[in-house]
């Protein structure tokens, strides 16, 4: 910076002030020109004040400049340009402030850019310190946890206690699988953590993803592959066995009636035993074919044809189809829809079959209950999603069976095939929905379809 004009201005003012002071003293000592003495004295005071003001102007501008930097207030400007003694200094101040302003604007743009990315990430992101104080939570995490805001992760305890425990103990680079069961939904949350150091503050950044649907889909695909293999292998074996057994049975019948003609001579007792054995083979072979055909249907569910329809229409159809069965068992069957005009976008035929399976299961569960009740209800959950529930007051399901209830081949019935709930679960997967169950033995069981 060039201080040439500032120096010359200061020297000129000091010399002028010195001359004025000398003249003032001279007039006091040598003359009695009081008017002149007063005028010169007044000029001395004015020049001294102007010199002080001139010098302090730099300090004021410098103080303003440093204050702008300290408080990040870059709206200040420094006037006085051209060839004035402070023009270059003010111009330098303005340049520095402009650079800071641009740097701050760029930093804010980058911050908003990163915020936009974070908020649009599909996985839930949550950043918090050792005390649980939340520094960041994105929209995906809010939707997943169904919360509008979050100040401390401990606020999640009433509804998501297992998740809070996992978040408080998880370390950097670790991952946890957390199971959460709410009133209408079951979630399996994959939690991945990363440690971040912000100055002297340690922050944990975690990503949260509900992988329940992915796990269910992989499980169903695995079972479908097994079913296709079983279908191929067993059908190739059972079909010829059934055919041959039927043929042999016919031959034995003919031989038993034509012994004298030289066909096959068997005693009456042996002939009867052979016929019974072959009939058993034939019956069992046909049973296996029927069994495989049932599982073939499970692995070949048609693609849903979506349409919009009132839930009341679906309930009415299910009630009509099952009315005779329910009345025969003296079951108190109730329906409720809130609101009455509730509509659903789904494949009506597939969903109807799924509800029939659930209601029939409920009817079996209350078969020995003198006060049997089944309720078919539909409403909107706290996230505005349509749910349909089938609830009964039957025998309930044991905790061990709850973990296996949707597995193909598994059944708790004496004569069940184990495909009803598997079929329903696959229907819900095709609808991008979920099915969950909660049960208290000897009290109640509720299956919930969430769309």
Protein backbone atom coordinates (compact mmCIF):
# COMPACT_ATOMS: atom_id res chain seq x y z
CA UNK A 1 0.00 0.00 0.00
CA UNK A 2 1.27 3.52 -0.88
CA UNK A 3 1.12 6.00 2.00
CA UNK A 4 2.64 8.94 0.08
CA UNK A 5 -0.42 11.20 0.25
CA UNK A 6 -1.04 10.33 3.90
CA UNK A 7 2.53 11.25 4.88
CA UNK A 8 2.56 14.55 2.94
CA UNK A 9 -0.84 15.47 4.37
CA UNK A 10 0.33 14.75 7.92
CA UNK A 11 3.59 16.74 7.45
CA UNK A 12 1.69 19.68 5.96
CA UNK A 13 -0.83 19.71 8.80
CA UNK A 14 1.89 19.42 11.48
CA UNK A 15 3.98 22.23 9.94
CA UNK A 16 0.90 24.44 9.65
CA UNK A 17 -0.03 23.65 13.25
CA UNK A 18 3.51 24.42 14.44
CA UNK A 19 3.50 27.77 12.62
CA UNK A 20 0.10 28.59 14.10
CA UNK A 21 1.28 27.72 17.61
CA UNK A 22 4.45 29.83 17.15
CA UNK A 23 2.36 32.76 15.89
CA UNK A 24 -0.05 32.35 18.80
CA UNK A 25 2.80 32.41 21.36
CA UNK A 26 4.47 35.33 19.61
CA UNK A 27 1.28 37.40 19.70
CA UNK A 28 0.78 36.66 23.38
CA UNK A 29 4.36 37.56 24.29
CA UNK A 30 4.99 40.57 22.05
CA UNK A 31 1.68 42.25 21.27
CA UNK A 32 -1.63 43.23 22.77
CA UNK A 33 -3.66 42.37 19.67
CA UNK A 34 -6.25 40.37 21.58
CA UNK A 35 -8.54 39.85 18.63
CA UNK A 36 -5.70 38.39 16.59
CA UNK A 37 -4.57 36.27 19.56
CA UNK A 38 -8.11 34.85 19.85
CA UNK A 39 -8.37 34.16 16.14
CA UNK A 40 -4.95 32.44 15.96
CA UNK A 41 -5.67 30.45 19.13
CA UNK A 42 -8.98 29.31 17.67
CA UNK A 43 -7.20 28.25 14.45
CA UNK A 44 -4.67 26.25 16.52
CA UNK A 45 -7.46 24.36 18.26
CA UNK A 46 -9.26 23.71 14.96
CA UNK A 47 -6.06 22.45 13.27
CA UNK A 48 -5.21 20.19 16.19
CA UNK A 49 -8.72 18.71 16.19
CA UNK A 50 -8.64 18.19 12.42
CA UNK A 51 -5.23 16.49 12.66
CA UNK A 52 -6.48 14.14 15.37
CA UNK A 53 -9.67 13.39 13.42
CA UNK A 54 -7.63 12.81 10.26
CA UNK A 55 -5.31 10.32 11.99
CA UNK A 56 -8.09 8.55 13.91
CA UNK A 57 -10.03 8.00 10.71
CA UNK A 58 -7.61 5.20 9.83
CA UNK A 59 -8.16 3.59 13.23
CA UNK A 60 -11.93 3.77 12.82
CA UNK A 61 -11.82 2.19 9.37
CA UNK A 62 -9.44 -0.49 10.58
CA UNK A 63 -11.68 -1.21 13.59
CA UNK A 64 -14.71 -1.50 11.31
CA UNK A 65 -12.77 -3.78 8.99
CA UNK A 66 -11.66 -6.11 11.81
CA UNK A 67 -15.18 -6.06 13.29
CA UNK A 68 -16.62 -7.14 9.94
CA UNK A 69 -14.25 -10.10 9.86
CA UNK A 70 -14.88 -11.01 13.50
CA UNK A 71 -18.67 -11.06 13.19
CA UNK A 72 -18.77 -12.23 9.56
CA UNK A 73 -20.59 -9.06 8.55
CA UNK A 74 -19.40 -8.38 5.03
CA UNK A 75 -22.06 -5.82 4.15
CA UNK A 76 -19.82 -2.90 5.24
CA UNK A 77 -18.23 -0.60 2.65
CA UNK A 78 -15.37 1.89 2.99
CA UNK A 79 -15.83 5.19 1.18
CA UNK A 80 -13.22 7.59 -0.04
CA UNK A 81 -11.59 6.75 -3.30
CA UNK A 82 -9.87 8.66 -6.02
CA UNK A 83 -6.59 10.31 -5.08
CA UNK A 84 -7.44 11.09 -1.45
CA UNK A 85 -4.95 10.00 1.13
CA UNK A 86 -7.28 7.24 2.35
CA UNK A 87 -8.53 6.16 -1.06
CA UNK A 88 -6.06 3.32 -1.50
CA UNK A 89 -6.54 2.09 2.06
CA UNK A 90 -10.33 2.05 1.68
CA UNK A 91 -10.02 0.34 -1.65
CA UNK A 92 -7.86 -2.37 -0.07
CA UNK A 93 -10.38 -2.79 2.75
CA UNK A 94 -13.20 -3.10 0.22
CA UNK A 95 -11.24 -5.69 -1.77
CA UNK A 96 -10.58 -7.83 1.30
CA UNK A 97 -14.23 -7.57 2.42
CA UNK A 98 -15.34 -8.52 -1.09
CA UNK A 99 -13.10 -11.59 -1.04
CA UNK A 100 -14.47 -12.64 2.33
CA UNK A 101 -18.02 -12.06 1.05
CA UNK A 102 -17.38 -14.22 -1.99
CA UNK A 103 -15.75 -16.94 0.12
CA UNK A 104 -18.71 -16.93 2.50
CA UNK A 105 -21.21 -17.05 -0.36
CA UNK A 106 -19.32 -19.99 -1.91
CA UNK A 107 -19.24 -21.75 1.46
CA UNK A 108 -22.99 -21.25 1.90
CA UNK A 109 -23.65 -22.53 -1.61
CA UNK A 110 -21.60 -25.65 -0.90
CA UNK A 111 -23.43 -26.11 2.42
CA UNK A 112 -26.84 -25.86 0.76
CA UNK A 113 -25.66 -28.16 -2.02
CA UNK A 114 -24.57 -30.82 0.48
CA UNK A 115 -27.77 -30.33 2.49
CA UNK A 116 -29.82 -30.91 -0.65
CA UNK A 117 -27.90 -34.10 -1.41
CA UNK A 118 -28.27 -35.35 2.18
CA UNK A 119 -32.00 -34.63 2.21
CA UNK A 120 -32.53 -36.45 -1.10
CA UNK A 121 -30.58 -39.58 -0.16
CA UNK A 122 -32.90 -42.57 -0.05
CA UNK A 123 -31.36 -44.01 3.12
CA UNK A 124 -31.94 -42.46 6.52
CA UNK A 125 -28.97 -40.42 7.81
CA UNK A 126 -28.53 -39.38 11.44
CA UNK A 127 -25.62 -37.53 13.08
CA UNK A 128 -25.39 -37.18 16.87
CA UNK A 129 -22.82 -36.72 19.66
CA UNK A 130 -22.00 -38.90 22.66
CA UNK A 131 -24.92 -37.43 24.65
CA UNK A 132 -27.37 -38.27 21.88
CA UNK A 133 -27.83 -34.66 20.73
CA UNK A 134 -28.82 -34.73 17.06
CA UNK A 135 -26.85 -32.50 14.68
CA UNK A 136 -28.42 -33.76 11.46
CA UNK A 137 -31.36 -35.88 10.36
CA UNK A 138 -32.54 -36.18 6.76
CA UNK A 139 -36.02 -36.58 5.33
CA UNK A 140 -35.59 -40.31 4.70
CA UNK A 141 -34.87 -40.91 8.41
CA UNK A 142 -37.88 -38.79 9.41
CA UNK A 143 -40.14 -40.79 7.08
CA UNK A 144 -38.74 -44.10 8.27
CA UNK A 145 -39.20 -43.25 11.94
CA UNK A 146 -42.40 -41.25 11.32
CA UNK A 147 -41.22 -38.12 13.18
CA UNK A 148 -41.30 -34.43 12.14
CA UNK A 149 -38.08 -33.51 13.97
CA UNK A 150 -35.61 -34.91 16.49
CA UNK A 151 -33.40 -33.11 19.02
CA UNK A 152 -32.03 -36.13 20.90
CA UNK A 153 -32.08 -39.79 19.93
CA UNK A 154 -33.32 -40.67 23.42
CA UNK A 155 -36.66 -39.15 22.41
CA UNK A 156 -37.17 -42.30 20.29
CA UNK A 157 -37.14 -44.59 23.33
CA UNK A 158 -40.92 -44.99 23.85
CA UNK A 159 -41.45 -46.38 20.34
CA UNK A 160 -38.01 -47.51 19.14
CA UNK A 161 -36.18 -48.64 22.27
CA UNK A 162 -34.04 -51.35 20.54
CA UNK A 163 -32.88 -48.77 17.97
CA UNK A 164 -31.91 -46.24 20.67
CA UNK A 165 -29.91 -48.90 22.55
CA UNK A 166 -28.11 -49.83 19.33
CA UNK A 167 -27.33 -46.19 18.46
CA UNK A 168 -25.92 -45.42 21.91
CA UNK A 169 -23.57 -48.40 21.92
CA UNK A 170 -22.56 -48.64 18.26
CA UNK A 171 -18.98 -47.64 17.42
CA UNK A 172 -17.31 -46.25 14.34
CA UNK A 173 -17.14 -48.78 11.52
CA UNK A 174 -19.63 -51.12 13.19
CA UNK A 175 -23.01 -52.28 11.93
CA UNK A 176 -26.12 -53.60 13.63
CA UNK A 177 -29.33 -55.31 12.56
CA UNK A 178 -32.19 -54.02 14.69
CA UNK A 179 -35.68 -55.54 14.75
CA UNK A 180 -38.50 -53.08 15.43
CA UNK A 181 -42.12 -54.10 15.93
CA UNK A 182 -44.75 -51.35 16.01
CA UNK A 183 -48.51 -51.59 16.20
CA UNK A 184 -49.02 -52.18 12.49
CA UNK A 185 -45.55 -52.82 11.09
CA UNK A 186 -42.46 -54.96 11.52
CA UNK A 187 -39.11 -53.53 10.45
CA UNK A 188 -35.58 -54.89 10.25
CA UNK A 189 -33.22 -51.92 10.29
CA UNK A 190 -29.64 -52.14 9.04
CA UNK A 191 -27.57 -49.54 10.91
CA UNK A 192 -24.06 -48.57 9.73
CA UNK A 193 -21.93 -46.11 11.77
CA UNK A 194 -18.98 -43.83 10.96
CA UNK A 195 -17.08 -41.63 13.40
CA UNK A 196 -16.39 -37.97 12.51
CA UNK A 197 -14.22 -35.44 14.36
CA UNK A 198 -15.43 -31.82 14.23
CA UNK A 199 -12.78 -29.73 16.00
CA UNK A 200 -12.90 -31.11 19.56
CA UNK A 201 -16.33 -32.73 19.12
CA UNK A 202 -16.82 -36.39 18.24
CA UNK A 203 -19.87 -37.12 16.09
CA UNK A 204 -21.36 -40.45 15.02
CA UNK A 205 -22.91 -40.53 11.55
CA UNK A 206 -25.19 -43.51 10.96
CA UNK A 207 -27.18 -44.68 7.97
CA UNK A 208 -30.46 -46.47 8.66
CA UNK A 209 -32.25 -48.65 6.13
CA UNK A 210 -35.29 -50.88 6.47
CA UNK A 211 -34.25 -54.10 4.74
CA UNK A 212 -37.26 -56.18 5.79
CA UNK A 213 -38.75 -56.16 2.29
CA UNK A 214 -35.41 -57.10 0.69
CA UNK A 215 -34.93 -59.98 3.12
CA UNK A 216 -38.49 -61.18 2.54
CA UNK A 217 -38.05 -60.98 -1.21
CA UNK A 218 -34.81 -62.95 -1.13
CA UNK A 219 -36.40 -65.53 1.14
CA UNK A 220 -39.39 -65.93 -1.14
CA UNK A 221 -37.20 -66.18 -4.23
CA UNK A 222 -35.16 -68.90 -2.53
CA UNK A 223 -38.27 -70.86 -1.68
CA UNK A 224 -39.57 -70.47 -5.22
CA UNK A 225 -36.35 -71.95 -6.56
CA UNK A 226 -36.70 -74.90 -4.17
CA UNK A 227 -40.31 -75.38 -5.20
CA UNK A 228 -39.40 -75.40 -8.89
CA UNK A 229 -36.70 -78.01 -8.25
CA UNK A 230 -39.10 -80.15 -6.19
CA UNK A 231 -41.75 -79.77 -8.83
CA UNK A 232 -39.42 -80.97 -11.58
CA UNK A 233 -37.89 -83.87 -9.69
CA UNK A 234 -40.98 -85.23 -7.95
CA UNK A 235 -43.26 -84.89 -10.95
CA UNK A 236 -40.76 -86.82 -13.08
CA UNK A 237 -40.83 -89.62 -10.51
CA UNK A 238 -44.41 -89.68 -9.35
CA UNK A 239 -46.15 -89.48 -12.72
CA UNK A 240 -44.77 -92.80 -14.10
CA UNK A 241 -45.23 -94.53 -10.72
CA UNK A 242 -48.88 -93.54 -10.65
CA UNK A 243 -49.41 -94.71 -14.21
CA UNK A 244 -47.68 -98.05 -13.69
CA UNK A 245 -49.46 -98.70 -10.41
CA UNK A 246 -52.80 -98.10 -12.09
CA UNK A 247 -51.90 -100.49 -14.91
CA UNK A 248 -50.75 -103.25 -12.57
CA UNK A 249 -53.88 -102.87 -10.51
CA UNK A 250 -56.00 -103.42 -13.62
CA UNK A 251 -53.94 -106.49 -14.57
CA UNK A 252 -54.34 -108.01 -11.13
CA UNK A 253 -58.09 -107.53 -11.32
CA UNK A 254 -58.20 -109.29 -14.68
CA UNK A 255 -55.97 -112.17 -13.51
CA UNK A 256 -58.03 -112.72 -10.44
CA UNK A 257 -61.10 -113.18 -12.58
CA UNK A 258 -59.41 -115.40 -15.22
CA UNK A 259 -57.31 -117.90 -13.33
CA UNK A 260 -58.47 -120.83 -15.45
CA UNK A 261 -57.43 -119.12 -18.64
CA UNK A 262 -53.74 -119.30 -17.72
CA UNK A 263 -53.08 -115.67 -16.82
CA UNK A 264 -51.74 -115.26 -13.27
CA UNK A 265 -52.69 -117.59 -10.50
CA UNK A 266 -52.84 -115.93 -7.08
CA UNK A 267 -54.54 -116.93 -3.93
CA UNK A 268 -57.50 -114.83 -2.93
CA UNK A 269 -55.61 -113.44 0.09
CA UNK A 270 -52.45 -112.57 -1.91
CA UNK A 271 -54.46 -111.06 -4.69
CA UNK A 272 -56.30 -108.87 -2.24
CA UNK A 273 -53.05 -107.76 -0.59
CA UNK A 274 -51.47 -106.86 -3.91
CA UNK A 275 -54.53 -104.93 -4.98
CA UNK A 276 -54.59 -103.00 -1.73
CA UNK A 277 -50.89 -102.21 -1.93
CA UNK A 278 -51.11 -101.01 -5.50
CA UNK A 279 -54.22 -99.00 -4.71
CA UNK A 280 -52.31 -97.34 -1.88
CA UNK A 281 -49.41 -96.53 -4.20
CA UNK A 282 -51.81 -95.07 -6.72
CA UNK A 283 -53.63 -93.00 -4.10
CA UNK A 284 -50.39 -91.73 -2.60
CA UNK A 285 -49.00 -90.89 -6.03
CA UNK A 286 -52.10 -88.86 -6.86
CA UNK A 287 -51.78 -87.12 -3.50
CA UNK A 288 -48.20 -86.17 -4.25
CA UNK A 289 -49.21 -84.82 -7.65
CA UNK A 290 -51.91 -82.72 -5.99
CA UNK A 291 -49.38 -81.58 -3.40
CA UNK A 292 -46.89 -80.48 -6.05
CA UNK A 293 -49.61 -78.72 -8.05
CA UNK A 294 -50.42 -76.65 -4.97
CA UNK A 295 -46.83 -75.49 -4.65
CA UNK A 296 -46.65 -74.89 -8.38
CA UNK A 297 -49.47 -72.38 -7.91
CA UNK A 298 -47.48 -70.71 -5.14
CA UNK A 299 -44.47 -70.18 -7.40
CA UNK A 300 -46.52 -68.96 -10.37
CA UNK A 301 -48.70 -66.19 -8.99
CA UNK A 302 -49.77 -63.94 -11.87
CA UNK A 303 -48.59 -60.36 -12.13
CA UNK A 304 -51.06 -58.03 -10.37
CA UNK A 305 -53.51 -56.05 -12.48
CA UNK A 306 -53.94 -52.87 -10.45
CA UNK A 307 -57.22 -51.00 -10.22
CA UNK A 308 -58.80 -48.53 -7.83
CA UNK A 309 -61.79 -49.86 -5.88
CA UNK A 310 -63.58 -49.25 -2.56
CA UNK A 311 -62.40 -51.40 0.33
CA UNK A 312 -66.08 -51.92 1.25
CA UNK A 313 -66.60 -53.71 -2.07
CA UNK A 314 -63.73 -56.09 -1.31
CA UNK A 315 -65.03 -56.81 2.21
CA UNK A 316 -68.54 -57.43 0.90
CA UNK A 317 -67.24 -59.98 -1.60
CA UNK A 318 -65.17 -61.85 1.01
CA UNK A 319 -68.12 -61.90 3.44
CA UNK A 320 -70.46 -63.28 0.80
CA UNK A 321 -68.07 -66.09 -0.16
CA UNK A 322 -67.46 -67.17 3.45
CA UNK A 323 -70.91 -66.52 4.93
CA UNK A 324 -72.02 -70.16 5.01
CA UNK A 325 -68.80 -71.35 6.64
CA UNK A 326 -68.88 -68.61 9.28
CA UNK A 327 -72.57 -69.07 10.09
CA UNK A 328 -72.09 -72.83 10.38
CA UNK A 329 -69.45 -72.26 13.07
CA UNK A 330 -71.56 -69.59 14.82
CA UNK A 331 -68.77 -67.05 14.41
CA UNK A 332 -69.50 -63.40 15.20
CA UNK A 333 -68.05 -61.85 12.04
CA UNK A 334 -67.67 -58.07 11.98
CA UNK A 335 -66.46 -55.55 9.45
CA UNK A 336 -65.26 -51.97 9.95
CA UNK A 337 -63.83 -49.39 7.55
CA UNK A 338 -62.59 -45.96 8.58
CA UNK A 339 -63.47 -43.89 6.63
CA UNK A 340 -66.29 -45.68 4.85
CA UNK A 341 -65.20 -44.22 1.50
CA UNK A 342 -61.67 -45.65 1.80
CA UNK A 343 -60.26 -46.81 -1.53
CA UNK A 344 -57.34 -49.06 -2.44
CA UNK A 345 -55.20 -49.54 -5.52
CA UNK A 346 -54.51 -53.28 -5.90
CA UNK A 347 -55.34 -56.47 -7.76
CA UNK A 348 -58.83 -57.21 -6.45
CA UNK A 349 -58.77 -60.95 -7.27
CA UNK A 350 -55.39 -61.66 -5.67
CA UNK A 351 -56.22 -59.60 -2.61
CA UNK A 352 -59.59 -61.31 -2.27
CA UNK A 353 -57.90 -64.72 -2.24
CA UNK A 354 -55.37 -63.51 0.32
CA UNK A 355 -58.14 -62.27 2.65
CA UNK A 356 -60.05 -65.52 2.23
CA UNK A 357 -56.94 -67.41 3.36
CA UNK A 358 -56.60 -65.19 6.44
CA UNK A 359 -60.27 -65.39 7.41
CA UNK A 360 -60.32 -69.19 6.96
CA UNK A 361 -57.22 -69.45 9.15
CA UNK A 362 -58.97 -67.31 11.76
CA UNK A 363 -62.05 -69.55 11.52
CA UNK A 364 -59.88 -72.60 12.22
CA UNK A 365 -58.28 -70.80 15.17
CA UNK A 366 -61.65 -70.04 16.85
CA UNK A 367 -63.17 -73.41 16.05
CA UNK A 368 -63.22 -74.49 19.71
CA UNK A 369 -64.18 -71.08 21.10
CA UNK A 370 -67.77 -70.75 22.34
CA UNK A 371 -67.61 -66.98 21.90
CA UNK A 372 -65.84 -66.96 18.54
CA UNK A 373 -65.21 -63.56 16.97
CA UNK A 374 -63.48 -62.47 13.79
CA UNK A 375 -63.08 -58.85 12.76
CA UNK A 376 -62.11 -57.64 9.30
CA UNK A 377 -61.13 -53.98 9.44
CA UNK A 378 -59.42 -51.33 7.36
CA UNK A 379 -58.10 -47.84 8.11
CA UNK A 380 -55.24 -45.42 7.45
CA UNK A 381 -52.13 -45.69 9.61
CA UNK A 382 -50.18 -42.76 11.04
CA UNK A 383 -48.33 -42.33 7.73
CA UNK A 384 -51.52 -42.24 5.67
CA UNK A 385 -51.08 -45.77 4.29
CA UNK A 386 -53.98 -48.19 3.85
CA UNK A 387 -53.97 -51.21 6.14
CA UNK A 388 -56.29 -54.19 6.34
CA UNK A 389 -56.35 -56.36 9.46
CA UNK A 390 -57.93 -59.72 10.27
CA UNK A 391 -58.25 -60.26 14.02
CA UNK A 392 -59.67 -63.23 15.94
CA UNK A 393 -59.98 -64.31 19.57
CA UNK A 394 -58.83 -67.85 18.95
CA UNK A 395 -56.07 -70.04 20.35
CA UNK A 396 -53.28 -67.78 19.16
CA UNK A 397 -49.82 -68.63 17.84
CA UNK A 398 -46.79 -69.62 19.91
CA UNK A 399 -43.75 -67.37 19.76
CA UNK A 400 -41.66 -70.12 18.15
CA UNK A 401 -44.23 -70.54 15.39
CA UNK A 402 -44.46 -66.78 14.74
CA UNK A 403 -40.93 -66.78 13.30
CA UNK A 404 -41.84 -69.56 10.83
CA UNK A 405 -45.48 -68.85 10.06
CA UNK A 406 -44.86 -67.39 6.58
CA UNK A 407 -42.41 -70.08 5.51
CA UNK A 408 -43.61 -72.33 2.66
CA UNK A 409 -44.20 -75.97 3.75
CA UNK A 410 -44.65 -74.89 7.39
CA UNK A 411 -48.08 -75.25 9.01
CA UNK A 412 -49.52 -75.59 12.51
CA UNK A 413 -52.64 -77.38 11.23
CA UNK A 414 -53.02 -81.15 11.23
CA UNK A 415 -54.23 -81.18 7.62
CA UNK A 416 -52.67 -77.94 6.34
CA UNK A 417 -50.46 -77.66 3.28
CA UNK A 418 -48.56 -74.60 4.48
CA UNK A 419 -49.16 -72.44 1.41
CA UNK A 420 -51.94 -70.04 2.48
CA UNK A 421 -49.82 -67.55 4.40
CA UNK A 422 -46.93 -67.96 1.98
CA UNK A 423 -49.30 -67.11 -0.86
CA UNK A 424 -50.60 -64.06 1.01
CA UNK A 425 -47.08 -62.87 1.75
CA UNK A 426 -46.09 -63.16 -1.90
CA UNK A 427 -49.23 -61.28 -2.96
CA UNK A 428 -48.27 -58.44 -0.63
CA UNK A 429 -44.71 -58.45 -2.00
CA UNK A 430 -46.11 -58.09 -5.53
CA UNK A 431 -48.10 -55.11 -4.24
CA UNK A 432 -44.96 -53.57 -2.68
CA UNK A 433 -46.64 -54.02 0.68
CA UNK A 434 -46.05 -55.95 3.89
CA UNK A 435 -47.81 -58.53 6.03
CA UNK A 436 -47.17 -58.79 9.76
CA UNK A 437 -48.64 -60.76 12.65
CA UNK A 438 -48.94 -60.35 16.37
CA UNK A 439 -50.50 -62.87 18.70
CA UNK A 440 -51.20 -63.58 22.35
CA UNK A 441 -51.87 -67.28 22.98
CA UNK A 442 -55.47 -67.98 24.04
CA UNK A 443 -56.36 -64.28 23.58
CA UNK A 444 -55.99 -62.86 20.10
CA UNK A 445 -54.20 -63.01 16.77
CA UNK A 446 -54.02 -60.19 14.23
CA UNK A 447 -52.67 -60.32 10.69
CA UNK A 448 -52.08 -56.90 9.13
CA UNK A 449 -51.71 -56.12 5.43
CA UNK A 450 -49.96 -52.77 4.95
CA UNK A 451 -49.96 -51.12 1.50
